[in-house]
C-alpha atoms as a PDB file:
ATOM      1  CA  MET A   1     -67.340-181.098 -96.179  1.00  0.00           C
ATOM      2  CA  PRO A   2     -70.125-179.795 -98.948  1.00  0.00           C
ATOM      3  CA  LEU A   3     -68.141-176.920-100.098  1.00  0.00           C
ATOM      4  CA  LEU A   4     -65.231-179.240-100.524  1.00  0.00           C
ATOM      5  CA  THR A   5     -67.248-181.932-102.388  1.00  0.00           C
ATOM      6  CA  TYR A   6     -68.808-178.788-104.399  1.00  0.00           C
ATOM      7  CA  PHE A   7     -64.962-177.447-105.232  1.00  0.00           C
ATOM      8  CA  VAL A   8     -63.846-180.932-106.449  1.00  0.00           C
ATOM      9  CA  LEU A   9     -67.084-181.704-108.400  1.00  0.00           C
ATOM     10  CA  PHE A  10     -66.833-178.349-110.084  1.00  0.00           C
ATOM     11  CA  ALA A  11     -63.295-178.779-111.012  1.00  0.00           C
ATOM     12  CA  PHE A  12     -64.254-182.150-113.016  1.00  0.00           C
ATOM     13  CA  ALA A  13     -67.654-181.180-114.535  1.00  0.00           C
ATOM     14  CA  GLY A  14     -67.509-177.477-114.659  1.00  0.00           C
ATOM     15  CA  GLN A  15     -68.034-175.915-118.191  1.00  0.00           C
ATOM     16  CA  PRO A  16     -65.136-173.950-120.268  1.00  0.00           C
ATOM     17  CA  PHE A  17     -67.585-171.084-120.021  1.00  0.00           C
ATOM     18  CA  ASN A  18     -67.208-170.739-116.107  1.00  0.00           C
ATOM     19  CA  ASN A  19     -63.701-170.127-116.091  1.00  0.00           C
ATOM     20  CA  TYR A  20     -64.427-166.366-115.360  1.00  0.00           C
ATOM     21  CA  TRP A  21     -65.572-167.154-111.806  1.00  0.00           C
ATOM     22  CA  GLY A  22     -62.181-167.126-110.355  1.00  0.00           C
ATOM     23  CA  TRP A  23     -61.797-163.702-111.286  1.00  0.00           C
ATOM     24  CA  VAL A  24     -65.077-162.822-109.707  1.00  0.00           C
ATOM     25  CA  THR A  25     -64.305-164.674-106.365  1.00  0.00           C
ATOM     26  CA  ALA A  26     -60.486-163.597-106.130  1.00  0.00           C
ATOM     27  CA  PRO A  27     -60.981-160.186-104.508  1.00  0.00           C
ATOM     28  CA  ILE A  28     -63.295-161.902-101.845  1.00  0.00           C
ATOM     29  CA  TRP A  29     -60.844-164.660-100.958  1.00  0.00           C
ATOM     30  CA  ALA A  30     -58.002-161.674-100.514  1.00  0.00           C
ATOM     31  CA  PHE A  31     -60.213-160.066 -98.082  1.00  0.00           C
ATOM     32  CA  ALA A  32     -61.032-163.167 -96.460  1.00  0.00           C
ATOM     33  CA  ALA A  33     -57.538-163.761 -95.893  1.00  0.00           C
ATOM     34  CA  ALA A  34     -56.426-160.665 -94.876  1.00  0.00           C
ATOM     35  CA  TYR A  35     -59.511-160.025 -92.534  1.00  0.00           C
ATOM     36  CA  GLY A  36     -59.877-163.561 -91.291  1.00  0.00           C
ATOM     37  CA  VAL A  37     -56.417-163.653 -89.397  1.00  0.00           C
ATOM     38  CA  GLU A  38     -57.226-160.663 -87.550  1.00  0.00           C
ATOM     39  CA  GLY A  39     -60.808-162.016 -86.614  1.00  0.00           C
ATOM     40  CA  VAL A  40     -59.583-165.244 -85.626  1.00  0.00           C
ATOM     41  CA  HIS A  41     -57.317-163.413 -83.248  1.00  0.00           C
ATOM     42  CA  LEU A  42     -59.814-161.129 -81.582  1.00  0.00           C
ATOM     43  CA  LEU A  43     -61.882-164.056 -81.033  1.00  0.00           C
ATOM     44  CA  ILE A  44     -58.998-165.729 -79.249  1.00  0.00           C
ATOM     45  CA  LEU A  45     -58.343-162.394 -77.145  1.00  0.00           C
ATOM     46  CA  ALA A  46     -62.314-162.534 -76.301  1.00  0.00           C
ATOM     47  CA  ALA A  47     -61.949-165.794 -75.226  1.00  0.00           C
ATOM     48  CA  LEU A  48     -59.076-165.462 -73.240  1.00  0.00           C
ATOM     49  CA  ARG A  49     -60.150-162.169 -71.290  1.00  0.00           C
ATOM     50  CA  PRO A  50     -61.592-162.501 -67.723  1.00  0.00           C
ATOM     51  CA  GLN A  51     -65.179-162.113 -67.976  1.00  0.00           C
ATOM     52  CA  PHE A  52     -66.989-159.094 -65.923  1.00  0.00           C
ATOM     53  CA  GLN A  53     -68.498-160.206 -62.609  1.00  0.00           C
ATOM     54  CA  PRO A  54     -70.306-157.778 -60.634  1.00  0.00           C
ATOM     55  CA  PRO A  55     -69.620-157.034 -57.403  1.00  0.00           C
ATOM     56  CA  ARG A  56     -71.337-159.358 -54.468  1.00  0.00           C
ATOM     57  CA  HIS A  57     -73.235-157.821 -52.018  1.00  0.00           C
ATOM     58  CA  VAL A  58     -72.961-159.326 -48.508  1.00  0.00           C
END
């Protein structure tokens, strides 16, 4: 929520000389989109994988 608030306020209160920040952050967002999908997929697989249980000694 704080990040969304920052984006909205920056959209209205941002200065004209701050326009280049989109060019700075665009490559980072591209990597986040590309690797984020794979990361979420791996997290789901790890959560669904049965956990290792050591053998029980009777």
